[in-house]
C-alpha atoms as a PDB file:
ATOM      1  CA  MET A   1       0.000   0.001  -0.002  1.00  0.00           C
ATOM      2  CA  LEU A   2       1.218   3.490  -0.760  1.00  0.00           C
ATOM      3  CA  ASN A   3       2.249   5.649   2.140  1.00  0.00           C
ATOM      4  CA  VAL A   4       0.820   9.035   1.302  1.00  0.00           C
ATOM      5  CA  PRO A   5       1.867  11.775   3.712  1.00  0.00           C
ATOM      6  CA  ASN A   6      -0.898  13.729   5.394  1.00  0.00           C
ATOM      7  CA  SER A   7       0.350  16.868   3.661  1.00  0.00           C
ATOM      8  CA  ASP A   8      -0.390  15.258   0.285  1.00  0.00           C
ATOM      9  CA  LEU A   9      -3.893  14.297   1.411  1.00  0.00           C
ATOM     10  CA  ALA A  10      -4.462  17.814   2.690  1.00  0.00           C
ATOM     11  CA  ARG A  11      -3.221  19.248  -0.614  1.00  0.00           C
ATOM     12  CA  LEU A  12      -5.526  16.932  -2.599  1.00  0.00           C
ATOM     13  CA  SER A  13      -8.492  17.876  -0.421  1.00  0.00           C
ATOM     14  CA  TRP A  14      -7.656  21.565  -0.835  1.00  0.00           C
ATOM     15  CA  GLN A  15      -7.389  21.203  -4.626  1.00  0.00           C
ATOM     16  CA  ARG A  16     -10.710  19.371  -4.812  1.00  0.00           C
ATOM     17  CA  GLN A  17     -12.366  22.039  -2.675  1.00  0.00           C
ATOM     18  CA  GLN A  18     -10.947  24.776  -4.930  1.00  0.00           C
ATOM     19  CA  GLN A  19     -12.258  22.998  -8.035  1.00  0.00           C
ATOM     20  CA  LEU A  20     -15.716  22.764  -6.501  1.00  0.00           C
ATOM     21  CA  GLN A  21     -15.680  26.440  -5.529  1.00  0.00           C
ATOM     22  CA  ARG A  22     -14.638  27.492  -9.043  1.00  0.00           C
ATOM     23  CA  ARG A  23     -17.395  25.373 -10.565  1.00  0.00           C
ATOM     24  CA  TRP A  24     -20.038  26.760  -8.216  1.00  0.00           C
ATOM     25  CA  LEU A  25     -18.940  30.320  -8.958  1.00  0.00           C
ATOM     26  CA  ALA A  26     -19.115  29.607 -12.683  1.00  0.00           C
ATOM     27  CA  LEU A  27     -22.662  28.320 -12.224  1.00  0.00           C
ATOM     28  CA  TRP A  28     -23.879  31.642 -10.878  1.00  0.00           C
ATOM     29  CA  GLN A  29     -22.704  33.572 -13.919  1.00  0.00           C
ATOM     30  CA  SER A  30     -25.651  34.100 -16.231  1.00  0.00           C
ATOM     31  CA  PRO A  31     -25.125  32.143 -19.472  1.00  0.00           C
ATOM     32  CA  GLY A  32     -26.409  33.213 -22.837  1.00  0.00           C
ATOM     33  CA  PRO A  33     -29.022  31.135 -24.673  1.00  0.00           C
ATOM     34  CA  ALA A  34     -26.357  29.287 -26.681  1.00  0.00           C
ATOM     35  CA  ASP A  35     -24.429  28.370 -23.507  1.00  0.00           C
ATOM     36  CA  MET A  36     -27.429  26.950 -21.650  1.00  0.00           C
ATOM     37  CA  PRO A  37     -26.813  23.217 -22.391  1.00  0.00           C
ATOM     38  CA  GLN A  38     -23.171  23.519 -21.296  1.00  0.00           C
ATOM     39  CA  ALA A  39     -24.159  25.443 -18.165  1.00  0.00           C
ATOM     40  CA  LEU A  40     -26.748  22.808 -17.271  1.00  0.00           C
ATOM     41  CA  GLY A  41     -24.148  20.052 -17.751  1.00  0.00           C
ATOM     42  CA  ARG A  42     -21.677  21.882 -15.518  1.00  0.00           C
ATOM     43  CA  TRP A  43     -24.363  22.421 -12.887  1.00  0.00           C
ATOM     44  CA  TRP A  44     -25.304  18.711 -12.931  1.00  0.00           C
ATOM     45  CA  SER A  45     -21.641  17.661 -12.657  1.00  0.00           C
ATOM     46  CA  SER A  46     -20.988  20.040  -9.767  1.00  0.00           C
ATOM     47  CA  LEU A  47     -24.071  18.854  -7.919  1.00  0.00           C
ATOM     48  CA  ARG A  48     -22.954  15.241  -8.278  1.00  0.00           C
ATOM     49  CA  GLU A  49     -19.491  16.056  -6.926  1.00  0.00           C
ATOM     50  CA  LEU A  50     -20.894  18.043  -4.024  1.00  0.00           C
ATOM     51  CA  LEU A  51     -23.278  15.282  -2.997  1.00  0.00           C
ATOM     52  CA  ALA A  52     -20.509  12.658  -3.277  1.00  0.00           C
ATOM     53  CA  LEU A  53     -18.190  14.608  -0.959  1.00  0.00           C
ATOM     54  CA  PRO A  54     -19.248  12.840   2.283  1.00  0.00           C
ATOM     55  CA  PHE A  55     -18.512   9.475   0.669  1.00  0.00           C
ATOM     56  CA  ASP A  56     -15.093  10.675  -0.470  1.00  0.00           C
ATOM     57  CA  ILE A  57     -14.368  11.851   3.072  1.00  0.00           C
ATOM     58  CA  ALA A  58     -15.350   8.406   4.391  1.00  0.00           C
ATOM     59  CA  ARG A  59     -12.933   6.800   1.934  1.00  0.00           C
ATOM     60  CA  HIS A  60     -10.127   9.114   3.034  1.00  0.00           C
ATOM     61  CA  GLN A  61     -10.878   8.436   6.704  1.00  0.00           C
ATOM     62  CA  HIS A  62     -10.825   4.680   6.120  1.00  0.00           C
ATOM     63  CA  ALA A  63      -7.471   4.930   4.337  1.00  0.00           C
ATOM     64  CA  ALA A  64      -6.091   7.067   7.185  1.00  0.00           C
ATOM     65  CA  GLY A  65      -7.290   4.497   9.712  1.00  0.00           C
ATOM     66  CA  VAL A  66      -5.545   1.692   7.811  1.00  0.00           C
ATOM     67  CA  ARG A  67      -2.309   3.704   7.601  1.00  0.00           C
ATOM     68  CA  ALA A  68      -2.493   4.515  11.319  1.00  0.00           C
ATOM     69  CA  GLY A  69      -2.986   0.846  12.189  1.00  0.00           C
ATOM     70  CA  ALA A  70      -6.447   1.334  13.711  1.00  0.00           C
ATOM     71  CA  LEU A  71      -8.057  -0.749  10.952  1.00  0.00           C
ATOM     72  CA  PRO A  72      -6.818  -4.055   9.512  1.00  0.00           C
ATOM     73  CA  HIS A  73      -4.382  -3.828   6.611  1.00  0.00           C
ATOM     74  CA  SER A  74      -6.295  -6.256   4.401  1.00  0.00           C
ATOM     75  CA  LEU A  75      -7.258  -6.067   0.743  1.00  0.00           C
ATOM     76  CA  LEU A  76     -10.397  -8.118   1.397  1.00  0.00           C
ATOM     77  CA  GLU A  77     -11.507  -5.804   4.202  1.00  0.00           C
ATOM     78  CA  SER A  78     -10.839  -2.748   2.043  1.00  0.00           C
ATOM     79  CA  GLN A  79     -12.799  -4.312  -0.811  1.00  0.00           C
ATOM     80  CA  ARG A  80     -15.755  -5.034   1.491  1.00  0.00           C
ATOM     81  CA  PHE A  81     -15.649  -1.478   2.828  1.00  0.00           C
ATOM     82  CA  GLU A  82     -15.614  -0.027  -0.703  1.00  0.00           C
ATOM     83  CA  GLN A  83     -18.477  -2.283  -1.812  1.00  0.00           C
ATOM     84  CA  GLN A  84     -20.611  -1.283   1.176  1.00  0.00           C
ATOM     85  CA  LEU A  85     -19.821   2.404   0.801  1.00  0.00           C
ATOM     86  CA  GLY A  86     -20.471   2.254  -2.948  1.00  0.00           C
ATOM     87  CA  LEU A  87     -23.817   0.576  -2.297  1.00  0.00           C
ATOM     88  CA  MET A  88     -24.752   3.252   0.254  1.00  0.00           C
ATOM     89  CA  GLU A  89     -23.735   5.959  -2.220  1.00  0.00           C
ATOM     90  CA  ARG A  90     -25.819   4.451  -5.022  1.00  0.00           C
ATOM     91  CA  LEU A  91     -28.832   3.934  -2.726  1.00  0.00           C
ATOM     92  CA  SER A  92     -28.737   7.414  -1.231  1.00  0.00           C
ATOM     93  CA  LEU A  93     -27.875   9.425  -4.345  1.00  0.00           C
ATOM     94  CA  GLY A  94     -29.713   7.340  -6.942  1.00  0.00           C
ATOM     95  CA  PRO A  95     -29.093   8.725 -10.459  1.00  0.00           C
ATOM     96  CA  LEU A  96     -26.662  11.315  -9.040  1.00  0.00           C
ATOM     97  CA  ALA A  97     -24.290   8.605  -7.792  1.00  0.00           C
ATOM     98  CA  ARG A  98     -20.976   8.176  -9.539  1.00  0.00           C
ATOM     99  CA  ASN A  99     -20.055   4.926 -11.239  1.00  0.00           C
ATOM    100  CA  LEU A 100     -16.795   4.067  -9.496  1.00  0.00           C
END
């Protein structure tokens, strides 16, 4: 398993947050009639990413727990966790869920 320093995880989380903020700001700019389909697509994509954020945080927390030794370092356990979390994501978000 890769040992990713906490600073790298923090940087990745910061970058993802910045991307979401830029997308949400772009959504509030009024598009012209020709830009409406693209604006709607960007809005849908941003909404999906925003709603998936708690599940991404759970994945990061699980990985941190494995690295810290609080959770078992097992591929089977990690696979079960991902399957359960993916199922919860698909059940709670429905058509807005990502296909991971």
